[in-house]
């Protein structure tokens, strides 16, 4: 595998029309999960990806696995839990970029994952292990599993890529800060948002965030995602560089943009591109995701991405 990721994917229920959930007359079911969003983006860009997770033995779990597998992701290591259900969440798209989410994932099948569920040889055979800060927040056993996965990866020279992906609703601030900081220190590459940098270190300045993260000898690259303001990155021992954003005139759904960034960035790294070009690809995919409703539906294939990057708007299929 090029990239293996570990994490929970849920069924998202969104009102058919934008607005408050209380006024909804119908709900649209979609599959959504930070890690699988990124894996889908990578798969569409031609990379081999694998997903480690658990779902319930229920129709929601069947739908999720079928959808993820249909996107070309290997699901051989997705456990079917006979005792616990698959999680769901409701997403309200209010308008003007405002999105509200309410989770029903407590005691879900994925939250019961543990270190014993890890396929060691599978992780060791990958080029990258991609993890987020969501999984360790699900339960103590999930927390232990993520640290064990990093240990397995580092023992075999697999590069660890970490996106803190802060979810305040899942755990207390002090526990989140301590755990996320530890995971950053154990990772080769950290993809962090300005809000997360402020949460962990009390600053949104790229130089300061990088300085704090480079205290760990393991971390060699820090990318600070700035949303509509693009991104900045810093290599250990070198200055920080700014990558300009791709403007989006109509944001339909901002959820999943960070996952798209990770997909574009990792695709560039896998293709051997320079760091700046990889970050630029991340910005492009993140921008494209916001133009489409759904967490991963806007992830482009190679042709659409290259067209977007070249800004060749004459290339229109008729």
Protein backbone atom coordinates (compact mmCIF):
# COMPACT_ATOMS: atom_id res chain seq x y z
CA UNK A 1 0.00 0.00 0.00
CA UNK A 2 1.03 3.60 -0.61
CA UNK A 3 -0.99 4.88 2.34
CA UNK A 4 -2.71 3.02 5.19
CA UNK A 5 -5.04 4.90 7.53
CA UNK A 6 -6.82 4.02 10.76
CA UNK A 7 -10.09 5.59 11.87
CA UNK A 8 -13.84 5.59 12.20
CA UNK A 9 -16.24 6.31 9.35
CA UNK A 10 -19.88 7.09 10.02
CA UNK A 11 -23.14 7.63 8.21
CA UNK A 12 -23.89 11.33 7.79
CA UNK A 13 -27.53 12.44 7.70
CA UNK A 14 -28.04 15.89 6.18
CA UNK A 15 -31.30 17.76 5.46
CA UNK A 16 -32.13 17.69 1.77
CA UNK A 17 -32.24 21.48 1.82
CA UNK A 18 -29.92 23.85 3.66
CA UNK A 19 -31.20 25.07 6.99
CA UNK A 20 -31.94 23.91 10.51
CA UNK A 21 -32.53 20.22 11.15
CA UNK A 22 -35.84 20.97 12.91
CA UNK A 23 -37.34 22.08 9.60
CA UNK A 24 -36.09 19.13 7.55
CA UNK A 25 -38.65 16.95 5.80
CA UNK A 26 -36.10 14.47 4.49
CA UNK A 27 -32.50 13.53 5.17
CA UNK A 28 -29.77 12.53 2.73
CA UNK A 29 -27.53 9.69 3.92
CA UNK A 30 -23.85 9.91 3.01
CA UNK A 31 -20.66 8.20 4.10
CA UNK A 32 -18.20 10.41 5.98
CA UNK A 33 -14.98 9.92 7.90
CA UNK A 34 -11.81 12.01 7.99
CA UNK A 35 -9.47 9.13 7.23
CA UNK A 36 -11.56 7.56 4.47
CA UNK A 37 -12.14 11.00 2.94
CA UNK A 38 -8.37 11.29 2.49
CA UNK A 39 -8.02 7.70 1.30
CA UNK A 40 -10.76 8.23 -1.29
CA UNK A 41 -8.99 11.34 -2.51
CA UNK A 42 -5.73 9.40 -2.84
CA UNK A 43 -7.43 6.47 -4.55
CA UNK A 44 -9.01 8.77 -7.13
CA UNK A 45 -5.55 10.18 -7.80
CA UNK A 46 -4.26 6.71 -8.60
CA UNK A 47 -2.70 5.54 -5.33
CA UNK A 48 -3.08 2.23 -3.49
CA UNK A 49 -4.74 2.76 -0.14
CA UNK A 50 -5.89 0.61 2.77
CA UNK A 51 -8.26 1.25 5.67
CA UNK A 52 -8.13 -0.26 9.17
CA UNK A 53 -11.37 0.15 11.12
CA UNK A 54 -14.47 -1.51 12.58
CA UNK A 55 -18.17 -1.27 11.77
CA UNK A 56 -21.23 -2.88 13.26
CA UNK A 57 -22.94 -5.89 11.77
CA UNK A 58 -25.73 -3.66 10.47
CA UNK A 59 -26.95 -2.06 7.27
CA UNK A 60 -25.12 1.19 7.99
CA UNK A 61 -21.85 -0.71 8.29
CA UNK A 62 -22.59 -2.58 5.07
CA UNK A 63 -23.22 0.69 3.25
CA UNK A 64 -20.01 2.27 4.54
CA UNK A 65 -17.79 -0.67 3.61
CA UNK A 66 -19.40 -1.03 0.18
CA UNK A 67 -18.94 2.68 -0.52
CA UNK A 68 -15.32 2.77 0.61
CA UNK A 69 -14.47 -0.43 -1.25
CA UNK A 70 -16.22 0.96 -4.33
CA UNK A 71 -13.75 3.84 -4.30
CA UNK A 72 -10.89 1.39 -4.72
CA UNK A 73 -9.76 1.25 -1.09
CA UNK A 74 -8.69 -2.05 0.42
CA UNK A 75 -11.09 -2.96 3.25
CA UNK A 76 -9.63 -6.36 4.14
CA UNK A 77 -8.80 -5.09 7.62
CA UNK A 78 -12.18 -3.60 8.50
CA UNK A 79 -13.58 -5.64 11.38
CA UNK A 80 -17.28 -6.43 11.61
CA UNK A 81 -18.37 -6.06 15.25
CA UNK A 82 -21.27 -8.32 16.23
CA UNK A 83 -22.00 -6.51 19.51
CA UNK A 84 -21.80 -2.77 18.74
CA UNK A 85 -23.46 -0.55 16.16
CA UNK A 86 -21.99 1.70 13.51
CA UNK A 87 -21.96 5.38 14.45
CA UNK A 88 -23.94 8.16 12.77
CA UNK A 89 -24.04 11.95 12.85
CA UNK A 90 -26.31 14.74 11.69
CA UNK A 91 -24.90 17.62 9.66
CA UNK A 92 -26.72 20.92 9.22
CA UNK A 93 -25.56 23.21 6.43
CA UNK A 94 -27.04 26.50 7.58
CA UNK A 95 -25.69 28.64 4.77
CA UNK A 96 -22.85 31.06 4.25
CA UNK A 97 -20.33 28.35 5.10
CA UNK A 98 -21.85 27.67 8.56
CA UNK A 99 -22.01 23.96 9.36
CA UNK A 100 -23.14 22.27 12.59
CA UNK A 101 -22.54 18.62 13.47
CA UNK A 102 -24.07 16.41 16.16
CA UNK A 103 -22.53 12.96 16.75
CA UNK A 104 -24.14 9.71 17.86
CA UNK A 105 -20.98 7.60 18.01
CA UNK A 106 -20.53 6.82 21.71
CA UNK A 107 -19.90 3.08 22.25
CA UNK A 108 -19.81 2.55 18.48
CA UNK A 109 -18.09 -0.45 16.91
CA UNK A 110 -15.05 1.63 15.97
CA UNK A 111 -14.68 3.00 19.50
CA UNK A 112 -14.05 -0.56 20.69
CA UNK A 113 -10.99 -1.04 18.50
CA UNK A 114 -7.82 -1.98 20.40
CA UNK A 115 -4.13 -2.69 19.74
CA UNK A 116 -4.84 -6.37 19.11
CA UNK A 117 -6.87 -5.36 16.04
CA UNK A 118 -3.81 -3.95 14.27
CA UNK A 119 -2.45 -5.95 11.30
CA UNK A 120 1.26 -5.39 11.93
CA UNK A 121 2.58 -6.64 8.58
CA UNK A 122 0.01 -4.54 6.73
CA UNK A 123 1.17 -1.33 8.44
CA UNK A 124 4.83 -2.20 8.01
CA UNK A 125 4.41 -2.71 4.25
CA UNK A 126 3.00 0.80 3.62
CA UNK A 127 4.91 3.89 2.54
CA UNK A 128 2.89 6.18 4.80
CA UNK A 129 0.72 5.67 7.87
CA UNK A 130 -1.92 8.41 8.02
CA UNK A 131 -3.62 9.13 11.32
CA UNK A 132 -5.74 11.90 12.79
CA UNK A 133 -6.47 13.12 16.29
CA UNK A 134 -10.03 11.86 16.07
CA UNK A 135 -9.34 8.17 16.62
CA UNK A 136 -7.50 8.45 19.97
CA UNK A 137 -10.42 10.54 21.26
CA UNK A 138 -12.93 7.72 20.74
CA UNK A 139 -11.83 5.58 23.71
CA UNK A 140 -8.86 4.56 25.80
CA UNK A 141 -8.34 1.41 23.72
CA UNK A 142 -8.39 3.46 20.50
CA UNK A 143 -5.83 5.79 22.04
CA UNK A 144 -3.57 2.86 22.87
CA UNK A 145 -4.07 1.43 19.37
CA UNK A 146 -2.89 4.62 17.65
CA UNK A 147 0.31 4.80 19.67
CA UNK A 148 0.96 1.11 18.96
CA UNK A 149 0.39 1.70 15.24
CA UNK A 150 2.96 4.50 15.25
CA UNK A 151 5.43 2.20 17.01
CA UNK A 152 4.93 -0.48 14.35
CA UNK A 153 5.38 2.06 11.57
CA UNK A 154 8.53 3.60 13.00
CA UNK A 155 10.11 0.18 13.55
CA UNK A 156 9.86 -0.45 9.81
CA UNK A 157 10.70 3.00 8.48
CA UNK A 158 7.12 3.81 7.48
CA UNK A 159 6.63 7.57 7.56
CA UNK A 160 3.91 8.77 9.93
CA UNK A 161 1.69 11.64 8.80
CA UNK A 162 -0.50 13.22 11.46
CA UNK A 163 -3.39 15.66 11.22
CA UNK A 164 -4.58 16.70 14.72
CA UNK A 165 -8.11 17.25 13.34
CA UNK A 166 -9.30 18.58 16.69
CA UNK A 167 -12.79 17.50 17.78
CA UNK A 168 -13.58 19.33 21.01
CA UNK A 169 -16.86 17.46 21.50
CA UNK A 170 -15.06 14.13 21.89
CA UNK A 171 -12.82 14.82 24.89
CA UNK A 172 -11.64 17.29 27.51
CA UNK A 173 -9.27 20.08 26.59
CA UNK A 174 -6.35 19.01 28.77
CA UNK A 175 -6.46 15.40 27.64
CA UNK A 176 -6.76 16.51 24.02
CA UNK A 177 -3.83 18.91 24.31
CA UNK A 178 -1.58 16.33 25.96
CA UNK A 179 -2.42 13.52 23.54
CA UNK A 180 -2.29 15.58 20.36
CA UNK A 181 1.04 17.12 21.34
CA UNK A 182 2.49 13.65 21.96
CA UNK A 183 1.25 12.42 18.59
CA UNK A 184 2.74 15.44 16.84
CA UNK A 185 6.10 14.68 18.45
CA UNK A 186 6.03 11.09 17.21
CA UNK A 187 5.17 11.99 13.60
CA UNK A 188 7.43 12.62 10.62
CA UNK A 189 5.01 15.04 8.98
CA UNK A 190 2.41 17.17 10.78
CA UNK A 191 -0.49 18.75 8.89
CA UNK A 192 -1.98 21.22 11.34
CA UNK A 193 -4.65 23.90 11.06
CA UNK A 194 -4.20 27.38 12.45
CA UNK A 195 -6.99 26.78 14.96
CA UNK A 196 -5.31 23.58 16.14
CA UNK A 197 -1.96 25.33 16.40
CA UNK A 198 -3.57 27.97 18.57
CA UNK A 199 -5.20 25.28 20.73
CA UNK A 200 -1.93 23.42 21.27
CA UNK A 201 0.57 26.26 21.45
CA UNK A 202 -1.37 29.49 21.86
CA UNK A 203 -0.37 30.90 18.47
CA UNK A 204 -1.35 30.79 14.79
CA UNK A 205 2.08 31.94 13.59
CA UNK A 206 3.71 29.36 11.34
CA UNK A 207 7.22 30.00 12.60
CA UNK A 208 6.20 29.56 16.23
CA UNK A 209 4.15 26.41 15.54
CA UNK A 210 7.04 24.90 13.59
CA UNK A 211 9.51 25.87 16.33
CA UNK A 212 7.39 24.10 18.93
CA UNK A 213 6.93 20.99 16.79
CA UNK A 214 10.57 20.78 15.74
CA UNK A 215 11.54 20.25 19.37
CA UNK A 216 10.93 16.60 18.56
CA UNK A 217 13.77 15.09 16.46
CA UNK A 218 11.23 12.91 14.65
CA UNK A 219 9.30 15.74 12.99
CA UNK A 220 10.92 16.94 9.77
CA UNK A 221 8.08 18.80 8.05
CA UNK A 222 5.26 20.95 9.36
CA UNK A 223 2.45 22.24 7.17
CA UNK A 224 0.08 24.83 8.60
CA UNK A 225 -3.26 24.91 6.80
CA UNK A 226 -4.81 28.36 6.63
CA UNK A 227 -8.04 27.60 4.77
CA UNK A 228 -8.97 30.42 2.43
CA UNK A 229 -5.52 31.95 3.03
CA UNK A 230 -3.67 28.98 1.60
CA UNK A 231 -0.99 27.17 3.57
CA UNK A 232 2.52 27.56 4.90
CA UNK A 233 5.15 24.93 5.44
CA UNK A 234 8.46 24.66 7.22
CA UNK A 235 11.25 22.13 6.84
CA UNK A 236 13.52 21.41 9.78
CA UNK A 237 16.52 23.70 9.60
CA UNK A 238 15.01 25.92 6.93
CA UNK A 239 12.71 28.93 6.79
CA UNK A 240 8.96 28.76 6.33
CA UNK A 241 7.38 29.13 2.91
CA UNK A 242 3.93 30.43 1.99
CA UNK A 243 1.72 28.84 -0.68
CA UNK A 244 -1.09 30.99 -2.01
CA UNK A 245 -4.68 29.68 -1.97
CA UNK A 246 -6.90 28.78 -4.88
CA UNK A 247 -9.86 31.16 -4.61
CA UNK A 248 -13.34 29.68 -4.32
CA UNK A 249 -16.19 32.02 -5.19
CA UNK A 250 -18.96 29.75 -3.92
CA UNK A 251 -18.33 27.56 -0.89
CA UNK A 252 -21.03 24.88 -0.91
CA UNK A 253 -19.76 22.69 1.95
CA UNK A 254 -16.44 23.35 3.74
CA UNK A 255 -16.41 20.00 5.59
CA UNK A 256 -13.74 17.70 4.20
CA UNK A 257 -11.46 20.45 2.85
CA UNK A 258 -8.68 19.52 5.29
CA UNK A 259 -9.00 15.86 4.33
CA UNK A 260 -8.77 16.89 0.69
CA UNK A 261 -5.65 18.88 1.47
CA UNK A 262 -4.05 15.79 3.00
CA UNK A 263 -4.94 13.73 -0.09
CA UNK A 264 -3.48 16.25 -2.52
CA UNK A 265 -0.37 16.80 -0.43
CA UNK A 266 0.35 13.08 0.03
CA UNK A 267 -0.26 12.45 -3.66
CA UNK A 268 2.40 14.99 -4.49
CA UNK A 269 4.82 13.42 -2.03
CA UNK A 270 4.17 9.96 -3.47
CA UNK A 271 4.90 11.30 -6.95
CA UNK A 272 8.21 12.66 -5.71
CA UNK A 273 7.30 16.31 -6.16
CA UNK A 274 9.01 19.08 -4.25
CA UNK A 275 7.42 20.02 -0.96
CA UNK A 276 6.07 23.32 -2.31
CA UNK A 277 4.37 21.58 -5.24
CA UNK A 278 2.89 18.96 -2.91
CA UNK A 279 1.49 21.68 -0.63
CA UNK A 280 0.09 23.46 -3.68
CA UNK A 281 -1.66 20.24 -4.74
CA UNK A 282 -3.10 19.99 -1.25
CA UNK A 283 -4.49 23.53 -1.48
CA UNK A 284 -6.03 22.75 -4.86
CA UNK A 285 -7.80 19.57 -3.75
CA UNK A 286 -8.99 21.26 -0.55
CA UNK A 287 -10.49 24.09 -2.61
CA UNK A 288 -12.21 21.68 -4.99
CA UNK A 289 -13.81 19.76 -2.12
CA UNK A 290 -15.55 22.89 -0.83
CA UNK A 291 -17.35 23.37 -4.14
CA UNK A 292 -19.41 20.19 -3.79
CA UNK A 293 -21.87 19.04 -1.11
CA UNK A 294 -20.53 16.12 0.92
CA UNK A 295 -17.33 15.28 2.71
CA UNK A 296 -15.52 13.49 -0.13
CA UNK A 297 -17.74 13.87 -3.18
CA UNK A 298 -15.68 16.79 -4.50
CA UNK A 299 -12.39 14.84 -4.46
CA UNK A 300 -11.01 15.05 -8.02
CA UNK A 301 -9.41 12.43 -10.21
CA UNK A 302 -6.06 13.17 -11.86
CA UNK A 303 -7.55 14.76 -14.97
CA UNK A 304 -9.79 17.18 -13.06
CA UNK A 305 -7.01 18.09 -10.67
CA UNK A 306 -4.51 18.84 -13.43
CA UNK A 307 -7.12 20.89 -15.26
CA UNK A 308 -7.81 22.87 -12.08
CA UNK A 309 -4.11 23.38 -11.41
CA UNK A 310 -3.52 24.67 -14.93
CA UNK A 311 -6.65 26.83 -14.82
CA UNK A 312 -7.51 25.61 -18.30
CA UNK A 313 -11.16 26.51 -18.37
CA UNK A 314 -11.30 26.00 -22.16
CA UNK A 315 -11.11 22.28 -21.61
CA UNK A 316 -14.84 21.74 -21.22
CA UNK A 317 -16.49 18.48 -22.10
CA UNK A 318 -19.46 19.05 -24.41
